[in-house]
């Protein structure tokens, strides 16, 4: 009997497109008139990037671009920047080893030349990643010249589970001061003059009070203010309309 062996080889090539990378600028960039601001340009994800070219446009009557710097993610890369055309920033980043992670890959520096209340678009008009190998999704941003100081903090709540945690609604690019005192003292001074600083330059929109619980029948009260690019806000006003100013305020 003759046996015939037929071998069939099949080559299957699986092709998969590279995942998109979103290039993003913040919608809430702020700085006062005459000041300066650093605006982060983020890549989500940055993983796999070997080279990236970006063009950004902005309102030259509101901002003047002064420089671009690398971030921890992009530090190994070579950076070239072109700021010669008012209202335009051109950036190139490239390296021999792909980037990894997600987050800011460049910080854009501007001087604020506009007046309070003016805004500028931060438009990503062009981006090419790895010569087009990785599709780029462009998420534009907005800059606003500050009007006044940081707004009042809102939504302050206190919970106990098991720590006493004070929370509030966060504000863009802000740190916070927390002050407070005993509720009984409010009846004595008719305001918050007896309050003292409990937490200075708190980086998040919550704070755990390390103090022991107040005595039975007593209670604590808390005041929170924001410090941001537009200056230091206030703790609000007492029922009389006078500003709340603790005697031992945070520096």
Protein backbone atom coordinates (compact mmCIF):
# COMPACT_ATOMS: atom_id res chain seq x y z
CA UNK A 1 0.00 0.00 0.00
CA UNK A 2 1.29 3.41 -0.84
CA UNK A 3 0.73 6.16 1.67
CA UNK A 4 0.57 9.71 0.48
CA UNK A 5 1.23 12.43 3.00
CA UNK A 6 -0.03 15.81 2.03
CA UNK A 7 1.16 18.67 4.16
CA UNK A 8 -0.64 21.95 4.02
CA UNK A 9 1.02 24.94 5.60
CA UNK A 10 -1.06 27.96 6.35
CA UNK A 11 0.35 31.31 7.37
CA UNK A 12 -2.02 33.42 9.35
CA UNK A 13 -1.07 37.01 9.84
CA UNK A 14 -2.94 38.84 12.53
CA UNK A 15 -2.92 42.55 11.99
CA UNK A 16 -3.88 44.90 14.75
CA UNK A 17 -3.96 48.63 14.49
CA UNK A 18 -2.06 50.66 17.07
CA UNK A 19 -4.25 52.05 19.83
CA UNK A 20 -5.08 55.75 19.72
CA UNK A 21 -3.24 58.22 21.93
CA UNK A 22 -5.16 61.22 23.22
CA UNK A 23 -3.18 64.46 23.40
CA UNK A 24 -4.86 66.74 25.91
CA UNK A 25 -4.60 70.30 27.24
CA UNK A 26 -6.56 71.49 30.34
CA UNK A 27 -9.84 73.37 29.99
CA UNK A 28 -9.29 75.29 33.23
CA UNK A 29 -5.81 76.82 32.96
CA UNK A 30 -5.69 80.07 34.99
CA UNK A 31 -3.26 82.85 35.85
CA UNK A 32 -3.55 86.53 36.79
CA UNK A 33 -2.93 89.40 34.40
CA UNK A 34 0.79 90.14 34.23
CA UNK A 35 1.65 86.72 35.63
CA UNK A 36 2.84 83.50 34.06
CA UNK A 37 1.47 79.99 33.71
CA UNK A 38 2.73 76.49 32.96
CA UNK A 39 0.27 74.38 30.98
CA UNK A 40 0.73 70.57 30.85
CA UNK A 41 0.37 68.71 27.55
CA UNK A 42 -0.64 65.12 28.32
CA UNK A 43 -0.48 61.92 26.28
CA UNK A 44 -2.87 59.14 27.31
CA UNK A 45 -1.28 56.70 26.91
CA UNK A 46 2.27 57.79 26.10
CA UNK A 47 3.42 54.16 25.89
CA UNK A 48 5.04 53.29 22.59
CA UNK A 49 5.82 56.83 21.44
CA UNK A 50 9.22 57.12 19.73
CA UNK A 51 8.65 60.46 18.07
CA UNK A 52 5.94 63.09 18.15
CA UNK A 53 5.39 66.39 16.33
CA UNK A 54 2.79 68.84 17.64
CA UNK A 55 1.52 72.26 16.62
CA UNK A 56 -0.49 74.39 19.04
CA UNK A 57 -2.25 77.70 18.38
CA UNK A 58 -3.29 80.31 20.97
CA UNK A 59 -4.41 83.95 21.18
CA UNK A 60 -1.26 86.10 21.09
CA UNK A 61 -3.25 89.05 22.48
CA UNK A 62 -3.77 87.09 25.71
CA UNK A 63 -0.64 84.92 26.01
CA UNK A 64 2.98 84.94 24.89
CA UNK A 65 4.71 81.56 24.71
CA UNK A 66 8.11 81.67 26.42
CA UNK A 67 9.27 78.06 26.46
CA UNK A 68 8.55 74.34 26.61
CA UNK A 69 10.14 71.88 29.04
CA UNK A 70 10.19 68.09 29.33
CA UNK A 71 8.50 66.11 32.10
CA UNK A 72 9.60 62.98 33.98
CA UNK A 73 7.89 60.84 31.32
CA UNK A 74 9.69 62.51 28.40
CA UNK A 75 13.00 63.34 30.10
CA UNK A 76 15.05 60.81 28.05
CA UNK A 77 13.83 62.32 24.76
CA UNK A 78 15.31 65.14 22.70
CA UNK A 79 13.09 68.24 22.62
CA UNK A 80 13.04 70.92 19.91
CA UNK A 81 10.77 73.95 20.09
CA UNK A 82 9.85 76.71 17.63
CA UNK A 83 8.19 79.85 19.07
CA UNK A 84 9.09 82.30 16.32
CA UNK A 85 5.52 82.82 15.09
CA UNK A 86 3.28 84.67 17.60
CA UNK A 87 0.30 82.50 18.50
CA UNK A 88 1.97 79.26 17.40
CA UNK A 89 4.01 76.65 19.32
CA UNK A 90 5.72 73.84 17.43
CA UNK A 91 7.13 70.93 19.43
CA UNK A 92 9.10 67.84 18.46
CA UNK A 93 10.03 65.05 20.88
CA UNK A 94 11.98 61.97 19.82
CA UNK A 95 14.16 59.26 21.31
CA UNK A 96 15.62 55.81 20.85
CA UNK A 97 13.53 54.06 23.52
CA UNK A 98 9.71 54.27 23.53
CA UNK A 99 7.97 56.28 26.22
CA UNK A 100 5.98 54.46 28.88
CA UNK A 101 3.04 55.46 31.04
CA UNK A 102 0.41 58.18 30.77
CA UNK A 103 0.40 61.85 31.73
CA UNK A 104 2.17 65.11 30.90
CA UNK A 105 4.90 64.82 28.26
CA UNK A 106 5.61 68.57 28.00
CA UNK A 107 4.97 71.73 30.04
CA UNK A 108 4.25 74.88 28.02
CA UNK A 109 5.21 78.21 29.59
CA UNK A 110 3.37 81.44 28.83
CA UNK A 111 3.41 85.05 30.02
CA UNK A 112 -0.06 86.53 30.50
CA UNK A 113 -0.42 89.73 28.46
CA UNK A 114 -4.23 89.92 28.38
CA UNK A 115 -6.62 91.64 30.77
CA UNK A 116 -8.67 90.03 33.53
CA UNK A 117 -11.52 87.96 32.13
CA UNK A 118 -10.01 87.40 28.70
CA UNK A 119 -9.65 83.86 27.41
CA UNK A 120 -7.49 82.08 24.88
CA UNK A 121 -8.08 78.79 23.11
CA UNK A 122 -5.29 76.24 23.40
CA UNK A 123 -5.88 74.45 20.11
CA UNK A 124 -3.92 71.40 19.00
CA UNK A 125 -3.96 71.97 15.25
CA UNK A 126 -1.58 69.16 14.22
CA UNK A 127 -0.05 66.05 15.77
CA UNK A 128 1.80 63.10 14.30
CA UNK A 129 2.99 60.19 16.43
CA UNK A 130 5.62 57.74 15.16
CA UNK A 131 5.18 59.19 11.65
CA UNK A 132 1.48 58.38 11.74
CA UNK A 133 1.77 54.85 13.07
CA UNK A 134 -0.15 55.75 16.23
CA UNK A 135 -3.39 57.69 15.60
CA UNK A 136 -3.62 60.93 17.61
CA UNK A 137 -6.88 62.16 19.16
CA UNK A 138 -6.69 65.90 19.87
CA UNK A 139 -8.35 67.35 22.98
CA UNK A 140 -8.05 71.14 23.00
CA UNK A 141 -7.92 73.34 26.11
CA UNK A 142 -8.74 76.85 27.30
CA UNK A 143 -6.88 79.50 29.30
CA UNK A 144 -8.60 82.27 31.30
CA UNK A 145 -7.03 85.38 32.82
CA UNK A 146 -8.06 85.42 36.49
CA UNK A 147 -10.80 87.71 37.70
CA UNK A 148 -10.36 88.48 41.41
CA UNK A 149 -9.03 85.86 43.81
CA UNK A 150 -9.76 82.18 44.26
CA UNK A 151 -13.53 81.61 44.73
CA UNK A 152 -15.09 80.45 47.97
CA UNK A 153 -14.79 76.76 48.72
CA UNK A 154 -18.14 74.99 48.55
CA UNK A 155 -19.60 71.66 49.62
CA UNK A 156 -17.76 71.34 52.94
CA UNK A 157 -18.85 68.16 54.75
CA UNK A 158 -17.63 66.26 57.82
CA UNK A 159 -17.81 62.47 58.21
CA UNK A 160 -16.68 60.06 60.92
CA UNK A 161 -15.74 56.53 59.73
CA UNK A 162 -13.60 56.01 61.77
CA UNK A 163 -11.43 59.12 61.24
CA UNK A 164 -12.98 62.57 61.24
CA UNK A 165 -12.68 63.61 57.58
CA UNK A 166 -13.39 67.09 56.26
CA UNK A 167 -14.12 67.18 52.50
CA UNK A 168 -15.01 69.92 50.00
CA UNK A 169 -15.35 70.59 46.28
CA UNK A 170 -11.89 70.93 44.73
CA UNK A 171 -10.81 73.85 42.56
CA UNK A 172 -8.34 73.88 39.65
CA UNK A 173 -4.65 73.99 40.62
CA UNK A 174 -5.35 74.83 44.25
CA UNK A 175 -4.04 74.05 47.69
CA UNK A 176 -6.13 74.60 50.80
CA UNK A 177 -6.02 75.94 54.35
CA UNK A 178 -8.23 74.41 57.03
CA UNK A 179 -9.01 76.35 60.21
CA UNK A 180 -11.41 75.65 63.03
CA UNK A 181 -12.28 75.68 66.68
CA UNK A 182 -14.88 74.65 69.24
CA UNK A 183 -18.54 75.25 68.45
CA UNK A 184 -19.08 76.64 71.96
CA UNK A 185 -16.59 79.43 71.24
CA UNK A 186 -18.79 80.66 68.38
CA UNK A 187 -21.36 81.72 70.99
CA UNK A 188 -18.72 83.68 72.89
CA UNK A 189 -17.07 85.72 70.11
CA UNK A 190 -20.01 85.73 67.70
CA UNK A 191 -17.75 84.64 64.86
CA UNK A 192 -14.67 82.68 63.99
CA UNK A 193 -11.99 84.89 65.55
CA UNK A 194 -11.07 82.10 67.97
CA UNK A 195 -10.40 79.64 65.13
CA UNK A 196 -6.84 78.50 64.54
CA UNK A 197 -4.98 76.95 61.63
CA UNK A 198 -5.40 73.16 61.51
CA UNK A 199 -3.84 72.35 58.11
CA UNK A 200 -1.72 74.64 55.95
CA UNK A 201 -1.33 74.14 52.19
CA UNK A 202 -3.32 70.90 52.11
CA UNK A 203 -2.78 69.45 48.59
CA UNK A 204 -6.08 67.55 48.27
CA UNK A 205 -9.75 68.41 48.72
CA UNK A 206 -10.02 66.51 52.01
CA UNK A 207 -8.28 66.39 55.37
CA UNK A 208 -8.34 63.92 58.27
CA UNK A 209 -8.48 65.63 61.68
CA UNK A 210 -5.90 63.89 63.93
CA UNK A 211 -7.30 65.39 67.14
CA UNK A 212 -9.23 63.22 69.60
CA UNK A 213 -12.99 63.49 69.66
CA UNK A 214 -14.35 66.56 71.47
CA UNK A 215 -15.81 66.10 74.92
CA UNK A 216 -19.39 64.89 75.26
CA UNK A 217 -21.78 67.69 74.31
CA UNK A 218 -19.03 69.66 72.52
CA UNK A 219 -18.16 69.88 68.84
CA UNK A 220 -15.65 71.19 66.33
CA UNK A 221 -16.30 73.53 63.42
CA UNK A 222 -14.18 73.91 60.29
CA UNK A 223 -13.39 76.67 57.78
CA UNK A 224 -11.70 76.02 54.41
CA UNK A 225 -10.20 78.42 51.87
CA UNK A 226 -8.42 77.88 48.55
CA UNK A 227 -5.05 79.18 47.40
CA UNK A 228 -4.61 78.99 43.64
CA UNK A 229 -3.07 80.72 40.67
CA UNK A 230 -5.52 83.59 41.12
CA UNK A 231 -4.51 84.24 44.72
CA UNK A 232 -5.79 83.30 48.16
CA UNK A 233 -9.53 83.15 48.72
CA UNK A 234 -11.39 83.79 51.95
CA UNK A 235 -13.13 81.67 54.56
CA UNK A 236 -16.41 83.42 53.71
CA UNK A 237 -18.46 85.82 55.78
CA UNK A 238 -20.16 85.70 59.14
CA UNK A 239 -23.92 86.32 59.42
CA UNK A 240 -23.10 89.98 60.11
CA UNK A 241 -21.42 90.23 56.72
CA UNK A 242 -17.95 90.63 58.22
CA UNK A 243 -15.22 88.41 56.76
CA UNK A 244 -14.23 85.34 58.76
CA UNK A 245 -10.66 85.99 59.90
CA UNK A 246 -9.17 83.57 62.45
CA UNK A 247 -6.83 85.17 64.96
CA UNK A 248 -4.31 82.33 64.49
CA UNK A 249 -4.67 82.02 60.74
CA UNK A 250 -2.66 79.78 58.42
CA UNK A 251 0.41 81.53 56.95
